[in-house]
Amino acid sequence: MDDTYEIKTITSDVEIQQCFEVALVLRPHLDRSKWSGTIAEMVSTEKYTLMGVFHEEKIVAFVGYRIMTTLHSGNIIYIDDLCTLQHYRGRGLGGKLLSHVRAVAEYKNMDAVVLDTGFDNHTAQKLYFNNGFEFSAVHLHAHLK
């Protein structure tokens, strides 16, 4: 098996559909019939970007992020999603995606890269800590549905 990986922006409908399988690893509640429309809306209204790791023309990991301004953190890149297919975990792909996002943030002169993670997602937390992230807040929300 070829161990060559390429990171590039995901823009085509085919690539966006490929991301759905990867997203299910982290977000099993997602609905395939709404996936493309949701991504299109996020891209158009929320400055959402998808960057994928391609291996043999297949997307095996991706990061989804938004550029935004907050009173708390200033001009930031907020990472919504970082997902890797189970078979490709442990190969440093998450770290490569985080490094790529950090490089984008530095190039755009952003103040920070911010993300949320589940309290019990210790594997992801280890990845984030190893890539320079630290705890700075607790994310709270009230379910409406």
C-alpha atoms as a PDB file:
ATOM      1  CA  MET A   1       0.000   0.000   0.000  1.00  0.00           C
ATOM      2  CA  ASP A   2       1.257   3.449  -0.921  1.00  0.00           C
ATOM      3  CA  ASP A   3       1.805   5.667   2.152  1.00  0.00           C
ATOM      4  CA  THR A   4       1.587   8.927   0.214  1.00  0.00           C
ATOM      5  CA  TYR A   5      -0.949  11.424   1.520  1.00  0.00           C
ATOM      6  CA  GLU A   6      -2.004  14.756   0.039  1.00  0.00           C
ATOM      7  CA  ILE A   7      -3.882  17.528   1.835  1.00  0.00           C
ATOM      8  CA  LYS A   8      -6.083  19.719  -0.311  1.00  0.00           C
ATOM      9  CA  THR A   9      -9.239  21.807  -0.149  1.00  0.00           C
ATOM     10  CA  ILE A  10     -12.423  19.871  -0.749  1.00  0.00           C
ATOM     11  CA  THR A  11     -14.760  21.616  -3.165  1.00  0.00           C
ATOM     12  CA  SER A  12     -16.444  19.132  -5.511  1.00  0.00           C
ATOM     13  CA  ASP A  13     -19.727  17.401  -4.754  1.00  0.00           C
ATOM     14  CA  VAL A  14     -18.018  14.016  -5.121  1.00  0.00           C
ATOM     15  CA  GLU A  15     -15.366  14.955  -2.548  1.00  0.00           C
ATOM     16  CA  ILE A  16     -17.989  16.367  -0.175  1.00  0.00           C
ATOM     17  CA  GLN A  17     -19.902  13.085  -0.433  1.00  0.00           C
ATOM     18  CA  GLN A  18     -16.701  11.141   0.312  1.00  0.00           C
ATOM     19  CA  CYS A  19     -16.346  13.165   3.512  1.00  0.00           C
ATOM     20  CA  PHE A  20     -19.690  11.887   4.751  1.00  0.00           C
ATOM     21  CA  GLU A  21     -18.283   8.415   5.440  1.00  0.00           C
ATOM     22  CA  VAL A  22     -15.409   9.955   7.382  1.00  0.00           C
ATOM     23  CA  ALA A  23     -17.721  12.297   9.303  1.00  0.00           C
ATOM     24  CA  LEU A  24     -19.825   9.366  10.505  1.00  0.00           C
ATOM     25  CA  VAL A  25     -16.866   8.244  12.638  1.00  0.00           C
ATOM     26  CA  LEU A  26     -17.301  11.343  14.808  1.00  0.00           C
ATOM     27  CA  ARG A  27     -20.919  12.240  14.088  1.00  0.00           C
ATOM     28  CA  PRO A  28     -22.987   9.053  13.613  1.00  0.00           C
ATOM     29  CA  HIS A  29     -26.258  11.032  13.885  1.00  0.00           C
ATOM     30  CA  LEU A  30     -25.735  12.737  10.515  1.00  0.00           C
ATOM     31  CA  ASP A  31     -28.274  12.255   7.729  1.00  0.00           C
ATOM     32  CA  ARG A  32     -26.804  11.528   4.284  1.00  0.00           C
ATOM     33  CA  SER A  33     -29.776  13.194   2.539  1.00  0.00           C
ATOM     34  CA  LYS A  34     -28.990  16.526   4.259  1.00  0.00           C
ATOM     35  CA  TRP A  35     -25.183  16.334   4.169  1.00  0.00           C
ATOM     36  CA  SER A  36     -24.385  18.161   0.905  1.00  0.00           C
ATOM     37  CA  GLY A  37     -26.958  20.886   1.544  1.00  0.00           C
ATOM     38  CA  THR A  38     -25.658  21.473   5.060  1.00  0.00           C
ATOM     39  CA  ILE A  39     -22.066  21.722   3.852  1.00  0.00           C
ATOM     40  CA  ALA A  40     -23.069  24.060   0.993  1.00  0.00           C
ATOM     41  CA  GLU A  41     -24.892  26.325   3.444  1.00  0.00           C
ATOM     42  CA  MET A  42     -21.951  26.370   5.855  1.00  0.00           C
ATOM     43  CA  VAL A  43     -19.536  27.225   3.032  1.00  0.00           C
ATOM     44  CA  SER A  44     -21.778  29.989   1.718  1.00  0.00           C
ATOM     45  CA  THR A  45     -22.846  31.634   4.983  1.00  0.00           C
ATOM     46  CA  GLU A  46     -20.265  30.713   7.605  1.00  0.00           C
ATOM     47  CA  LYS A  47     -16.919  30.765   5.780  1.00  0.00           C
ATOM     48  CA  TYR A  48     -16.629  26.997   6.317  1.00  0.00           C
ATOM     49  CA  THR A  49     -13.720  25.202   4.671  1.00  0.00           C
ATOM     50  CA  LEU A  50     -13.087  21.481   4.313  1.00  0.00           C
ATOM     51  CA  MET A  51      -9.518  20.228   3.951  1.00  0.00           C
ATOM     52  CA  GLY A  52      -9.079  16.542   3.197  1.00  0.00           C
ATOM     53  CA  VAL A  53      -6.295  14.023   3.414  1.00  0.00           C
ATOM     54  CA  PHE A  54      -6.309  12.010   0.205  1.00  0.00           C
ATOM     55  CA  HIS A  55      -4.796   8.546  -0.037  1.00  0.00           C
ATOM     56  CA  GLU A  56      -5.019   6.731  -3.361  1.00  0.00           C
ATOM     57  CA  GLU A  57      -7.725   9.212  -4.515  1.00  0.00           C
ATOM     58  CA  LYS A  58      -9.855   8.515  -1.427  1.00  0.00           C
ATOM     59  CA  ILE A  59     -10.535  10.951   1.419  1.00  0.00           C
ATOM     60  CA  VAL A  60      -9.405   9.231   4.626  1.00  0.00           C
ATOM     61  CA  ALA A  61      -9.459  12.220   6.997  1.00  0.00           C
ATOM     62  CA  PHE A  62     -10.696  15.782   6.968  1.00  0.00           C
ATOM     63  CA  VAL A  63     -10.866  18.953   8.995  1.00  0.00           C
ATOM     64  CA  GLY A  64     -13.713  21.440   8.753  1.00  0.00           C
ATOM     65  CA  TYR A  65     -13.171  24.943  10.047  1.00  0.00           C
ATOM     66  CA  ARG A  66     -14.577  28.452   9.988  1.00  0.00           C
ATOM     67  CA  ILE A  67     -12.901  31.836  10.057  1.00  0.00           C
ATOM     68  CA  MET A  68     -14.639  34.054  12.558  1.00  0.00           C
ATOM     69  CA  THR A  69     -14.249  36.903  15.006  1.00  0.00           C
ATOM     70  CA  THR A  70     -15.245  36.630  18.642  1.00  0.00           C
ATOM     71  CA  LEU A  71     -15.005  39.104  21.480  1.00  0.00           C
ATOM     72  CA  HIS A  72     -13.407  36.410  23.603  1.00  0.00           C
ATOM     73  CA  SER A  73     -10.622  35.242  21.300  1.00  0.00           C
ATOM     74  CA  GLY A  74     -10.411  37.791  18.469  1.00  0.00           C
ATOM     75  CA  ASN A  75      -9.878  36.694  14.871  1.00  0.00           C
ATOM     76  CA  ILE A  76      -9.823  32.920  14.947  1.00  0.00           C
ATOM     77  CA  ILE A  77     -10.091  29.741  13.017  1.00  0.00           C
ATOM     78  CA  TYR A  78     -12.640  27.547  14.756  1.00  0.00           C
ATOM     79  CA  ILE A  79     -12.280  23.838  14.033  1.00  0.00           C
ATOM     80  CA  ASP A  80     -15.727  22.242  13.875  1.00  0.00           C
ATOM     81  CA  ASP A  81     -14.672  18.767  12.829  1.00  0.00           C
ATOM     82  CA  LEU A  82     -11.522  16.655  12.686  1.00  0.00           C
ATOM     83  CA  CYS A  83     -12.220  13.086  11.571  1.00  0.00           C
ATOM     84  CA  THR A  84     -10.127  10.126  10.420  1.00  0.00           C
ATOM     85  CA  LEU A  85     -11.303   6.754   9.182  1.00  0.00           C
ATOM     86  CA  GLN A  86     -10.550   4.094  11.801  1.00  0.00           C
ATOM     87  CA  HIS A  87      -8.160   2.172   9.528  1.00  0.00           C
ATOM     88  CA  TYR A  88      -6.016   5.294   9.019  1.00  0.00           C
ATOM     89  CA  ARG A  89      -5.706   6.361  12.665  1.00  0.00           C
ATOM     90  CA  GLY A  90      -2.288   6.383  14.265  1.00  0.00           C
ATOM     91  CA  ARG A  91      -0.543   7.582  11.092  1.00  0.00           C
ATOM     92  CA  GLY A  92      -0.234  11.239  12.130  1.00  0.00           C
ATOM     93  CA  LEU A  93      -2.958  12.484   9.786  1.00  0.00           C
ATOM     94  CA  GLY A  94      -4.807  14.431  12.498  1.00  0.00           C
ATOM     95  CA  GLY A  95      -1.558  16.157  13.433  1.00  0.00           C
ATOM     96  CA  LYS A  96      -0.886  16.996   9.788  1.00  0.00           C
ATOM     97  CA  LEU A  97      -4.343  18.547   9.456  1.00  0.00           C
ATOM     98  CA  LEU A  98      -3.897  20.550  12.672  1.00  0.00           C
ATOM     99  CA  SER A  99      -0.506  21.787  11.433  1.00  0.00           C
ATOM    100  CA  HIS A 100      -2.078  22.762   8.132  1.00  0.00           C
ATOM    101  CA  VAL A 101      -4.849  24.740   9.863  1.00  0.00           C
ATOM    102  CA  ARG A 102      -2.287  26.427  12.102  1.00  0.00           C
ATOM    103  CA  ALA A 103      -0.269  27.430   9.013  1.00  0.00           C
ATOM    104  CA  VAL A 104      -3.416  28.900   7.434  1.00  0.00           C
ATOM    105  CA  ALA A 105      -4.106  30.833  10.642  1.00  0.00           C
ATOM    106  CA  GLU A 106      -0.558  32.174  10.774  1.00  0.00           C
ATOM    107  CA  TYR A 107      -0.661  33.139   7.091  1.00  0.00           C
ATOM    108  CA  LYS A 108      -3.931  35.012   7.658  1.00  0.00           C
ATOM    109  CA  ASN A 109      -2.522  36.624  10.809  1.00  0.00           C
ATOM    110  CA  MET A 110      -5.250  35.141  13.007  1.00  0.00           C
ATOM    111  CA  ASP A 111      -5.133  35.381  16.802  1.00  0.00           C
ATOM    112  CA  ALA A 112      -5.826  31.721  17.582  1.00  0.00           C
ATOM    113  CA  VAL A 113      -7.045  28.334  16.467  1.00  0.00           C
ATOM    114  CA  VAL A 114      -9.918  27.155  18.683  1.00  0.00           C
ATOM    115  CA  LEU A 115     -11.850  23.892  18.985  1.00  0.00           C
ATOM    116  CA  ASP A 116     -14.121  21.981  21.326  1.00  0.00           C
ATOM    117  CA  THR A 117     -13.823  18.312  22.209  1.00  0.00           C
ATOM    118  CA  GLY A 118     -15.865  15.897  24.269  1.00  0.00           C
ATOM    119  CA  PHE A 119     -14.921  15.417  27.916  1.00  0.00           C
ATOM    120  CA  ASP A 120     -14.458  11.688  27.370  1.00  0.00           C
ATOM    121  CA  ASN A 121     -12.626  11.907  24.026  1.00  0.00           C
ATOM    122  CA  HIS A 122      -9.200  11.313  25.566  1.00  0.00           C
ATOM    123  CA  THR A 123      -7.584  10.184  22.315  1.00  0.00           C
ATOM    124  CA  ALA A 124      -8.486  13.480  20.628  1.00  0.00           C
ATOM    125  CA  GLN A 125      -7.429  15.469  23.696  1.00  0.00           C
ATOM    126  CA  LYS A 126      -4.001  13.820  23.607  1.00  0.00           C
ATOM    127  CA  LEU A 127      -3.685  14.751  19.922  1.00  0.00           C
ATOM    128  CA  TYR A 128      -4.644  18.362  20.657  1.00  0.00           C
ATOM    129  CA  PHE A 129      -2.287  18.685  23.630  1.00  0.00           C
ATOM    130  CA  ASN A 130       0.563  17.222  21.548  1.00  0.00           C
ATOM    131  CA  ASN A 131      -0.160  19.885  18.930  1.00  0.00           C
ATOM    132  CA  GLY A 132       0.009  22.906  21.224  1.00  0.00           C
ATOM    133  CA  PHE A 133      -3.611  23.222  22.355  1.00  0.00           C
ATOM    134  CA  GLU A 134      -4.545  23.799  25.983  1.00  0.00           C
ATOM    135  CA  PHE A 135      -7.752  24.028  27.983  1.00  0.00           C
ATOM    136  CA  SER A 136      -9.051  27.590  28.083  1.00  0.00           C
ATOM    137  CA  ALA A 137     -12.831  27.304  28.533  1.00  0.00           C
ATOM    138  CA  VAL A 138     -15.734  24.951  29.081  1.00  0.00           C
ATOM    139  CA  HIS A 139     -18.277  24.752  26.250  1.00  0.00           C
ATOM    140  CA  LEU A 140     -21.894  24.621  27.375  1.00  0.00           C
ATOM    141  CA  HIS A 141     -25.107  24.360  25.405  1.00  0.00           C
ATOM    142  CA  ALA A 142     -28.829  23.884  25.951  1.00  0.00           C
ATOM    143  CA  HIS A 143     -30.553  21.378  23.662  1.00  0.00           C
ATOM    144  CA  LEU A 144     -33.593  22.836  21.936  1.00  0.00           C
ATOM    145  CA  LYS A 145     -34.690  19.666  20.130  1.00  0.00           C
END
